[in-house]
PDB file of N, CA and C in Angstrom:
ATOM      1  N   MET A   1      76.611-151.531 -39.608  1.00  0.00           N
ATOM      2  CA  MET A   1      77.809-150.791 -39.887  1.00  0.00           C
ATOM      3  C   MET A   1      77.624-150.081 -41.224  1.00  0.00           C
ATOM      4  N   ALA A   2      77.853-148.780 -41.270  1.00  0.00           N
ATOM      5  CA  ALA A   2      77.686-148.000 -42.482  1.00  0.00           C
ATOM      6  C   ALA A   2      78.878-148.193 -43.411  1.00  0.00           C
ATOM      7  N   ALA A   3      78.584-148.282 -44.680  1.00  0.00           N
ATOM      8  CA  ALA A   3      79.650-148.424 -45.672  1.00  0.00           C
ATOM      9  C   ALA A   3      80.321-147.075 -45.877  1.00  0.00           C
ATOM     10  N   THR A   4      81.609-147.097 -46.133  1.00  0.00           N
ATOM     11  CA  THR A   4      82.314-145.846 -46.390  1.00  0.00           C
ATOM     12  C   THR A   4      82.270-145.555 -47.878  1.00  0.00           C
ATOM     13  N   ALA A   5      82.214-144.271 -48.216  1.00  0.00           N
ATOM     14  CA  ALA A   5      82.149-143.870 -49.618  1.00  0.00           C
ATOM     15  C   ALA A   5      83.446-144.227 -50.317  1.00  0.00           C
ATOM     16  N   THR A   6      83.328-144.750 -51.526  1.00  0.00           N
ATOM     17  CA  THR A   6      84.520-145.113 -52.284  1.00  0.00           C
ATOM     18  C   THR A   6      84.564-144.413 -53.630  1.00  0.00           C
ATOM     19  N   GLU A   7      83.487-143.799 -54.044  1.00  0.00           N
ATOM     20  CA  GLU A   7      83.425-143.097 -55.316  1.00  0.00           C
ATOM     21  C   GLU A   7      82.843-141.715 -55.095  1.00  0.00           C
ATOM     22  N   ARG A   8      83.202-140.801 -55.960  1.00  0.00           N
ATOM     23  CA  ARG A   8      82.688-139.436 -55.867  1.00  0.00           C
ATOM     24  C   ARG A   8      81.826-139.158 -57.087  1.00  0.00           C
ATOM     25  N   ILE A   9      80.682-138.516 -56.844  1.00  0.00           N
ATOM     26  CA  ILE A   9      79.802-138.071 -57.917  1.00  0.00           C
ATOM     27  C   ILE A   9      79.707-136.558 -57.804  1.00  0.00           C
ATOM     28  N   VAL A  10      80.061-135.871 -58.854  1.00  0.00           N
ATOM     29  CA  VAL A  10      79.992-134.416 -58.853  1.00  0.00           C
ATOM     30  C   VAL A  10      78.650-133.998 -59.434  1.00  0.00           C
ATOM     31  N   VAL A  11      77.928-133.196 -58.683  1.00  0.00           N
ATOM     32  CA  VAL A  11      76.612-132.728 -59.113  1.00  0.00           C
ATOM     33  C   VAL A  11      76.672-131.215 -59.248  1.00  0.00           C
ATOM     34  N   GLN A  12      76.316-130.725 -60.422  1.00  0.00           N
ATOM     35  CA  GLN A  12      76.288-129.287 -60.644  1.00  0.00           C
ATOM     36  C   GLN A  12      74.976-128.730 -60.103  1.00  0.00           C
ATOM     37  N   ALA A  13      75.052-127.636 -59.361  1.00  0.00           N
ATOM     38  CA  ALA A  13      73.871-126.983 -58.810  1.00  0.00           C
ATOM     39  C   ALA A  13      74.131-125.485 -58.771  1.00  0.00           C
ATOM     40  N   THR A  14      73.062-124.743 -58.853  1.00  0.00           N
ATOM     41  CA  THR A  14      73.198-123.298 -58.698  1.00  0.00           C
ATOM     42  C   THR A  14      73.498-123.022 -57.233  1.00  0.00           C
ATOM     43  N   PRO A  15      74.030-121.845 -56.918  1.00  0.00           N
ATOM     44  CA  PRO A  15      74.261-121.514 -55.507  1.00  0.00           C
ATOM     45  C   PRO A  15      72.979-121.616 -54.671  1.00  0.00           C
ATOM     46  N   LYS A  16      71.860-121.240 -55.258  1.00  0.00           N
ATOM     47  CA  LYS A  16      70.580-121.303 -54.538  1.00  0.00           C
ATOM     48  C   LYS A  16      70.177-122.760 -54.280  1.00  0.00           C
ATOM     49  N   GLU A  17      70.357-123.646 -55.280  1.00  0.00           N
ATOM     50  CA  GLU A  17      70.047-125.063 -55.101  1.00  0.00           C
ATOM     51  C   GLU A  17      70.949-125.692 -54.047  1.00  0.00           C
ATOM     52  N   LYS A  18      72.254-125.344 -54.098  1.00  0.00           N
ATOM     53  CA  LYS A  18      73.191-125.883 -53.110  1.00  0.00           C
ATOM     54  C   LYS A  18      72.799-125.450 -51.713  1.00  0.00           C
ATOM     55  N   GLN A  19      72.409-124.190 -51.569  1.00  0.00           N
ATOM     56  CA  GLN A  19      71.999-123.677 -50.268  1.00  0.00           C
ATOM     57  C   GLN A  19      70.755-124.422 -49.768  1.00  0.00           C
ATOM     58  N   ALA A  20      69.797-124.674 -50.665  1.00  0.00           N
ATOM     59  CA  ALA A  20      68.567-125.370 -50.277  1.00  0.00           C
ATOM     60  C   ALA A  20      68.877-126.810 -49.877  1.00  0.00           C
ATOM     61  N   ILE A  21      69.766-127.475 -50.624  1.00  0.00           N
ATOM     62  CA  ILE A  21      70.144-128.857 -50.299  1.00  0.00           C
ATOM     63  C   ILE A  21      70.854-128.905 -48.954  1.00  0.00           C
ATOM     64  N   SER A  22      71.793-128.005 -48.749  1.00  0.00           N
ATOM     65  CA  SER A  22      72.536-127.971 -47.480  1.00  0.00           C
ATOM     66  C   SER A  22      71.610-127.684 -46.309  1.00  0.00           C
ATOM     67  N   ALA A  23      70.673-126.745 -46.496  1.00  0.00           N
ATOM     68  CA  ALA A  23      69.734-126.409 -45.412  1.00  0.00           C
ATOM     69  C   ALA A  23      68.836-127.587 -45.082  1.00  0.00           C
ATOM     70  N   LYS A  24      68.372-128.274 -46.110  1.00  0.00           N
ATOM     71  CA  LYS A  24      67.502-129.434 -45.886  1.00  0.00           C
ATOM     72  C   LYS A  24      68.271-130.546 -45.179  1.00  0.00           C
ATOM     73  N   ALA A  25      69.498-130.789 -45.617  1.00  0.00           N
ATOM     74  CA  ALA A  25      70.320-131.820 -44.981  1.00  0.00           C
ATOM     75  C   ALA A  25      70.545-131.488 -43.511  1.00  0.00           C
ATOM     76  N   LYS A  26      70.846-130.236 -43.227  1.00  0.00           N
ATOM     77  CA  LYS A  26      71.076-129.817 -41.840  1.00  0.00           C
ATOM     78  C   LYS A  26      69.808-130.013 -41.014  1.00  0.00           C
ATOM     79  N   ARG A  27      68.665-129.653 -41.597  1.00  0.00           N
ATOM     80  CA  ARG A  27      67.382-129.799 -40.899  1.00  0.00           C
ATOM     81  C   ARG A  27      67.106-131.264 -40.570  1.00  0.00           C
ATOM     82  N   PHE A  28      67.521-132.188 -41.450  1.00  0.00           N
ATOM     83  CA  PHE A  28      67.328-133.620 -41.225  1.00  0.00           C
ATOM     84  C   PHE A  28      68.462-134.245 -40.434  1.00  0.00           C
ATOM     85  N   GLY A  29      69.482-133.465 -40.114  1.00  0.00           N
ATOM     86  CA  GLY A  29      70.591-133.985 -39.316  1.00  0.00           C
ATOM     87  C   GLY A  29      71.488-134.949 -40.085  1.00  0.00           C
ATOM     88  N   MET A  30      71.707-134.669 -41.360  1.00  0.00           N
ATOM     89  CA  MET A  30      72.571-135.534 -42.165  1.00  0.00           C
ATOM     90  C   MET A  30      73.401-134.672 -43.098  1.00  0.00           C
ATOM     91  N   SER A  31      74.368-135.301 -43.705  1.00  0.00           N
ATOM     92  CA  SER A  31      75.200-134.575 -44.662  1.00  0.00           C
ATOM     93  C   SER A  31      74.442-134.381 -45.969  1.00  0.00           C
ATOM     94  N   ALA A  32      74.912-133.447 -46.767  1.00  0.00           N
ATOM     95  CA  ALA A  32      74.310-133.228 -48.083  1.00  0.00           C
ATOM     96  C   ALA A  32      74.458-134.484 -48.941  1.00  0.00           C
ATOM     97  N   GLY A  33      75.597-135.149 -48.821  1.00  0.00           N
ATOM     98  CA  GLY A  33      75.810-136.386 -49.572  1.00  0.00           C
ATOM     99  C   GLY A  33      74.807-137.464 -49.191  1.00  0.00           C
ATOM    100  N   GLU A  34      74.561-137.609 -47.880  1.00  0.00           N
ATOM    101  CA  GLU A  34      73.588-138.611 -47.427  1.00  0.00           C
ATOM    102  C   GLU A  34      72.193-138.265 -47.931  1.00  0.00           C
ATOM    103  N   LEU A  35      71.843-136.983 -47.858  1.00  0.00           N
ATOM    104  CA  LEU A  35      70.544-136.547 -48.372  1.00  0.00           C
ATOM    105  C   LEU A  35      70.417-136.876 -49.863  1.00  0.00           C
ATOM    106  N   MET A  36      71.456-136.595 -50.630  1.00  0.00           N
ATOM    107  CA  MET A  36      71.434-136.862 -52.070  1.00  0.00           C
ATOM    108  C   MET A  36      71.343-138.363 -52.345  1.00  0.00           C
ATOM    109  N   ARG A  37      72.084-139.183 -51.586  1.00  0.00           N
ATOM    110  CA  ARG A  37      72.016-140.640 -51.782  1.00  0.00           C
ATOM    111  C   ARG A  37      70.621-141.161 -51.483  1.00  0.00           C
ATOM    112  N   ARG A  38      70.041-140.702 -50.380  1.00  0.00           N
ATOM    113  CA  ARG A  38      68.693-141.157 -50.025  1.00  0.00           C
ATOM    114  C   ARG A  38      67.666-140.692 -51.045  1.00  0.00           C
ATOM    115  N   ALA A  39      67.814-139.457 -51.504  1.00  0.00           N
ATOM    116  CA  ALA A  39      66.872-138.942 -52.506  1.00  0.00           C
ATOM    117  C   ALA A  39      66.973-139.739 -53.801  1.00  0.00           C
ATOM    118  N   ALA A  40      68.195-140.058 -54.206  1.00  0.00           N
ATOM    119  CA  ALA A  40      68.384-140.839 -55.439  1.00  0.00           C
ATOM    120  C   ALA A  40      67.794-142.234 -55.276  1.00  0.00           C
ATOM    121  N   ALA A  41      67.973-142.841 -54.104  1.00  0.00           N
ATOM    122  CA  ALA A  41      67.442-144.188 -53.870  1.00  0.00           C
ATOM    123  C   ALA A  41      65.913-144.185 -53.853  1.00  0.00           C
ATOM    124  N   ALA A  42      65.312-143.104 -53.385  1.00  0.00           N
ATOM    125  CA  ALA A  42      63.858-143.031 -53.273  1.00  0.00           C
ATOM    126  C   ALA A  42      63.191-142.582 -54.570  1.00  0.00           C
ATOM    127  N   TYR A  43      63.962-142.077 -55.514  1.00  0.00           N
ATOM    128  CA  TYR A  43      63.410-141.526 -56.750  1.00  0.00           C
ATOM    129  C   TYR A  43      62.763-142.609 -57.602  1.00  0.00           C
ATOM    130  N   THR A  44      61.593-142.295 -58.135  1.00  0.00           N
ATOM    131  CA  THR A  44      60.952-143.160 -59.126  1.00  0.00           C
ATOM    132  C   THR A  44      60.646-142.333 -60.362  1.00  0.00           C
ATOM    133  N   SER A  45      60.695-142.965 -61.482  1.00  0.00           N
ATOM    134  CA  SER A  45      60.463-142.301 -62.756  1.00  0.00           C
ATOM    135  C   SER A  45      59.046-141.755 -62.824  1.00  0.00           C
ATOM    136  N   PRO A  46      58.881-140.586 -63.441  1.00  0.00           N
ATOM    137  CA  PRO A  46      57.516-140.077 -63.646  1.00  0.00           C
ATOM    138  C   PRO A  46      56.700-141.031 -64.518  1.00  0.00           C
ATOM    139  N   ASP A  47      57.385-141.852 -65.296  1.00  0.00           N
ATOM    140  CA  ASP A  47      56.702-142.815 -66.163  1.00  0.00           C
ATOM    141  C   ASP A  47      56.366-144.115 -65.443  1.00  0.00           C
ATOM    142  N   ALA A  48      56.766-144.228 -64.175  1.00  0.00           N
ATOM    143  CA  ALA A  48      56.578-145.488 -63.446  1.00  0.00           C
ATOM    144  C   ALA A  48      55.104-145.899 -63.401  1.00  0.00           C
ATOM    145  N   ASP A  49      54.200-144.940 -63.154  1.00  0.00           N
ATOM    146  CA  ASP A  49      52.777-145.283 -63.098  1.00  0.00           C
ATOM    147  C   ASP A  49      52.280-145.783 -64.447  1.00  0.00           C
ATOM    148  N   ALA A  50      52.722-145.139 -65.526  1.00  0.00           N
ATOM    149  CA  ALA A  50      52.311-145.574 -66.863  1.00  0.00           C
ATOM    150  C   ALA A  50      52.887-146.948 -67.175  1.00  0.00           C
ATOM    151  N   GLU A  51      54.136-147.182 -66.764  1.00  0.00           N
ATOM    152  CA  GLU A  51      54.755-148.489 -66.998  1.00  0.00           C
ATOM    153  C   GLU A  51      54.038-149.576 -66.205  1.00  0.00           C
ATOM    154  N   LEU A  52      53.689-149.284 -64.962  1.00  0.00           N
ATOM    155  CA  LEU A  52      52.944-150.253 -64.151  1.00  0.00           C
ATOM    156  C   LEU A  52      51.553-150.509 -64.733  1.00  0.00           C
ATOM    157  N   ALA A  53      50.918-149.466 -65.224  1.00  0.00           N
ATOM    158  CA  ALA A  53      49.594-149.634 -65.836  1.00  0.00           C
ATOM    159  C   ALA A  53      49.690-150.511 -67.078  1.00  0.00           C
ATOM    160  N   ALA A  54      50.735-150.313 -67.879  1.00  0.00           N
ATOM    161  CA  ALA A  54      50.917-151.142 -69.069  1.00  0.00           C
ATOM    162  C   ALA A  54      51.153-152.599 -68.682  1.00  0.00           C
ATOM    163  N   LEU A  55      51.949-152.821 -67.643  1.00  0.00           N
ATOM    164  CA  LEU A  55      52.175-154.190 -67.160  1.00  0.00           C
ATOM    165  C   LEU A  55      50.880-154.805 -66.641  1.00  0.00           C
ATOM    166  N   ALA A  56      50.102-154.011 -65.916  1.00  0.00           N
ATOM    167  CA  ALA A  56      48.832-154.515 -65.388  1.00  0.00           C
ATOM    168  C   ALA A  56      47.879-154.860 -66.530  1.00  0.00           C
ATOM    169  N   ASP A  57      47.850-154.016 -67.569  1.00  0.00           N
ATOM    170  CA  ASP A  57      46.999-154.304 -68.736  1.00  0.00           C
ATOM    171  C   ASP A  57      47.437-155.589 -69.428  1.00  0.00           C
ATOM    172  N   ALA A  58      48.751-155.771 -69.566  1.00  0.00           N
ATOM    173  CA  ALA A  58      49.270-156.989 -70.204  1.00  0.00           C
ATOM    174  C   ALA A  58      48.929-158.218 -69.360  1.00  0.00           C
ATOM    175  N   ALA A  59      49.039-158.089 -68.039  1.00  0.00           N
ATOM    176  CA  ALA A  59      48.715-159.213 -67.154  1.00  0.00           C
ATOM    177  C   ALA A  59      47.230-159.545 -67.239  1.00  0.00           C
ATOM    178  N   LEU A  60      46.385-158.516 -67.296  1.00  0.00           N
ATOM    179  CA  LEU A  60      44.945-158.747 -67.418  1.00  0.00           C
ATOM    180  C   LEU A  60      44.609-159.428 -68.739  1.00  0.00           C
ATOM    181  N   ALA A  61      45.238-158.985 -69.817  1.00  0.00           N
ATOM    182  CA  ALA A  61      45.002-159.608 -71.121  1.00  0.00           C
ATOM    183  C   ALA A  61      45.429-161.073 -71.100  1.00  0.00           C
ATOM    184  N   ALA A  62      46.575-161.347 -70.479  1.00  0.00           N
ATOM    185  CA  ALA A  62      47.045-162.733 -70.382  1.00  0.00           C
ATOM    186  C   ALA A  62      46.086-163.571 -69.549  1.00  0.00           C
ATOM    187  N   ALA A  63      45.597-163.000 -68.456  1.00  0.00           N
ATOM    188  CA  ALA A  63      44.646-163.721 -67.608  1.00  0.00           C
ATOM    189  C   ALA A  63      43.351-164.001 -68.360  1.00  0.00           C
ATOM    190  N   ASN A  64      42.914-163.035 -69.156  1.00  0.00           N
ATOM    191  CA  ASN A  64      41.691-163.238 -69.945  1.00  0.00           C
ATOM    192  C   ASN A  64      41.887-164.324 -70.995  1.00  0.00           C
ATOM    193  N   ARG A  65      43.067-164.330 -71.641  1.00  0.00           N
ATOM    194  CA  ARG A  65      43.347-165.394 -72.617  1.00  0.00           C
ATOM    195  C   ARG A  65      43.397-166.753 -71.925  1.00  0.00           C
ATOM    196  N   MET A  66      44.004-166.801 -70.747  1.00  0.00           N
ATOM    197  CA  MET A  66      44.091-168.052 -69.999  1.00  0.00           C
ATOM    198  C   MET A  66      42.691-168.534 -69.617  1.00  0.00           C
ATOM    199  N   SER A  67      41.851-167.619 -69.170  1.00  0.00           N
ATOM    200  CA  SER A  67      40.487-167.973 -68.780  1.00  0.00           C
ATOM    201  C   SER A  67      39.710-168.513 -69.974  1.00  0.00           C
ATOM    202  N   ALA A  68      39.886-167.874 -71.128  1.00  0.00           N
ATOM    203  CA  ALA A  68      39.205-168.357 -72.333  1.00  0.00           C
ATOM    204  C   ALA A  68      39.715-169.742 -72.719  1.00  0.00           C
ATOM    205  N   SER A  69      41.004-169.963 -72.588  1.00  0.00           N
ATOM    206  CA  SER A  69      41.573-171.288 -72.895  1.00  0.00           C
ATOM    207  C   SER A  69      41.016-172.343 -71.943  1.00  0.00           C
ATOM    208  N   ILE A  70      40.917-172.005 -70.688  1.00  0.00           N
ATOM    209  CA  ILE A  70      40.367-172.944 -69.700  1.00  0.00           C
ATOM    210  C   ILE A  70      38.915-173.263 -70.038  1.00  0.00           C
ATOM    211  N   ASP A  71      38.151-172.229 -70.430  1.00  0.00           N
ATOM    212  CA  ASP A  71      36.754-172.459 -70.819  1.00  0.00           C
ATOM    213  C   ASP A  71      36.675-173.397 -72.023  1.00  0.00           C
ATOM    214  N   GLU A  72      37.579-173.206 -72.997  1.00  0.00           N
ATOM    215  CA  GLU A  72      37.591-174.084 -74.171  1.00  0.00           C
ATOM    216  C   GLU A  72      37.923-175.528 -73.775  1.00  0.00           C
ATOM    217  N   VAL A  73      38.883-175.697 -72.890  1.00  0.00           N
ATOM    218  CA  VAL A  73      39.257-177.035 -72.437  1.00  0.00           C
ATOM    219  C   VAL A  73      38.105-177.671 -71.672  1.00  0.00           C
ATOM    220  N   ASP A  74      37.452-176.894 -70.815  1.00  0.00           N
ATOM    221  CA  ASP A  74      36.298-177.417 -70.070  1.00  0.00           C
ATOM    222  C   ASP A  74      35.209-177.886 -71.029  1.00  0.00           C
ATOM    223  N   ALA A  75      34.926-177.098 -72.074  1.00  0.00           N
ATOM    224  CA  ALA A  75      33.897-177.469 -73.050  1.00  0.00           C
ATOM    225  C   ALA A  75      34.313-178.727 -73.806  1.00  0.00           C
ATOM    226  N   PHE A  76      35.585-178.820 -74.171  1.00  0.00           N
ATOM    227  CA  PHE A  76      36.077-180.006 -74.865  1.00  0.00           C
ATOM    228  C   PHE A  76      35.937-181.245 -73.982  1.00  0.00           C
ATOM    229  N   ILE A  77      36.300-181.115 -72.707  1.00  0.00           N
ATOM    230  CA  ILE A  77      36.204-182.246 -71.778  1.00  0.00           C
ATOM    231  C   ILE A  77      34.741-182.657 -71.583  1.00  0.00           C
ATOM    232  N   ALA A  78      33.850-181.668 -71.447  1.00  0.00           N
ATOM    233  CA  ALA A  78      32.425-181.988 -71.275  1.00  0.00           C
ATOM    234  C   ALA A  78      31.891-182.729 -72.498  1.00  0.00           C
ATOM    235  N   ALA A  79      32.253-182.267 -73.689  1.00  0.00           N
ATOM    236  CA  ALA A  79      31.804-182.943 -74.905  1.00  0.00           C
ATOM    237  C   ALA A  79      32.409-184.336 -74.994  1.00  0.00           C
ATOM    238  N   SER A  80      33.659-184.473 -74.615  1.00  0.00           N
ATOM    239  CA  SER A  80      34.320-185.781 -74.635  1.00  0.00           C
ATOM    240  C   SER A  80      33.641-186.726 -73.650  1.00  0.00           C
ATOM    241  N   ASN A  81      33.327-186.227 -72.473  1.00  0.00           N
ATOM    242  CA  ASN A  81      32.641-187.050 -71.473  1.00  0.00           C
ATOM    243  C   ASN A  81      31.271-187.505 -71.977  1.00  0.00           C
ATOM    244  N   GLN A  82      30.585-186.634 -72.702  1.00  0.00           N
ATOM    245  CA  GLN A  82      29.287-187.014 -73.267  1.00  0.00           C
ATOM    246  C   GLN A  82      29.457-188.103 -74.323  1.00  0.00           C
ATOM    247  N   ARG A  83      30.483-187.983 -75.166  1.00  0.00           N
ATOM    248  CA  ARG A  83      30.738-189.009 -76.182  1.00  0.00           C
ATOM    249  C   ARG A  83      31.085-190.338 -75.512  1.00  0.00           C
ATOM    250  N   ILE A  84      31.905-190.291 -74.472  1.00  0.00           N
ATOM    251  CA  ILE A  84      32.289-191.514 -73.755  1.00  0.00           C
ATOM    252  C   ILE A  84      31.055-192.152 -73.107  1.00  0.00           C
ATOM    253  N   ALA A  85      30.225-191.326 -72.477  1.00  0.00           N
ATOM    254  CA  ALA A  85      29.012-191.850 -71.843  1.00  0.00           C
ATOM    255  C   ALA A  85      28.091-192.491 -72.884  1.00  0.00           C
ATOM    256  N   ALA A  86      27.974-191.875 -74.053  1.00  0.00           N
ATOM    257  CA  ALA A  86      27.134-192.439 -75.114  1.00  0.00           C
ATOM    258  C   ALA A  86      27.710-193.771 -75.596  1.00  0.00           C
ATOM    259  N   MET A  87      29.037-193.849 -75.749  1.00  0.00           N
ATOM    260  CA  MET A  87      29.663-195.107 -76.179  1.00  0.00           C
ATOM    261  C   MET A  87      29.484-196.186 -75.119  1.00  0.00           C
ATOM    262  N   GLU A  88      29.624-195.822 -73.848  1.00  0.00           N
ATOM    263  CA  GLU A  88      29.440-196.804 -72.776  1.00  0.00           C
ATOM    264  C   GLU A  88      28.000-197.296 -72.725  1.00  0.00           C
ATOM    265  N   ALA A  89      27.054-196.366 -72.922  1.00  0.00           N
ATOM    266  CA  ALA A  89      25.637-196.753 -72.926  1.00  0.00           C
ATOM    267  C   ALA A  89      25.352-197.688 -74.101  1.00  0.00           C
ATOM    268  N   ALA A  90      25.917-197.388 -75.259  1.00  0.00           N
ATOM    269  CA  ALA A  90      25.713-198.248 -76.430  1.00  0.00           C
ATOM    270  C   ALA A  90      26.325-199.621 -76.180  1.00  0.00           C
ATOM    271  N   ALA A  91      27.479-199.675 -75.540  1.00  0.00           N
ATOM    272  CA  ALA A  91      28.133-200.950 -75.243  1.00  0.00           C
ATOM    273  C   ALA A  91      27.273-201.743 -74.254  1.00  0.00           C
ATOM    274  N   GLN A  92      26.707-201.083 -73.282  1.00  0.00           N
ATOM    275  CA  GLN A  92      25.857-201.779 -72.310  1.00  0.00           C
ATOM    276  C   GLN A  92      24.605-202.330 -72.991  1.00  0.00           C
ATOM    277  N   ARG A  93      24.042-201.549 -73.934  1.00  0.00           N
ATOM    278  CA  ARG A  93      22.850-202.016 -74.661  1.00  0.00           C
ATOM    279  C   ARG A  93      23.184-203.254 -75.498  1.00  0.00           C
ATOM    280  N   ARG A  94      24.346-203.222 -76.141  1.00  0.00           N
ATOM    281  CA  ARG A  94      24.753-204.369 -76.960  1.00  0.00           C
ATOM    282  C   ARG A  94      24.996-205.598 -76.079  1.00  0.00           C
ATOM    283  N   LYS A  95      25.553-205.369 -74.915  1.00  0.00           N
ATOM    284  CA  LYS A  95      25.819-206.469 -73.980  1.00  0.00           C
ATOM    285  C   LYS A  95      24.516-207.097 -73.502  1.00  0.00           C
ATOM    286  N   GLY A  96      23.553-206.242 -73.227  1.00  0.00           N
ATOM    287  CA  GLY A  96      22.282-206.727 -72.677  1.00  0.00           C
ATOM    288  C   GLY A  96      21.352-207.281 -73.752  1.00  0.00           C
ATOM    289  N   ALA A  97      21.645-207.013 -75.015  1.00  0.00           N
ATOM    290  CA  ALA A  97      20.743-207.441 -76.088  1.00  0.00           C
ATOM    291  C   ALA A  97      20.906-208.872 -76.468  1.00  0.00           C
TER     292      ALA A  97
END
């Protein structure tokens, strides 16, 4: 069920722009208002690609920092495991001595 319009938006256009909008709406089989609503809903900012690229760069930087942190933790765990193994070996030697 289509919603009924409850608000009016006045858009200033030259006579030539109005004619082009009306002709396009007629060609698509819809009202000028419907064409304008659909066009507004489909519109994306010219800066959208730059904004997405900036977000992607930030996400990549965060992923790289996370990867480096994981590498540091892995190295710490490996060194800790080596220290534990050395302590266990020393304890076994003392036990057997």
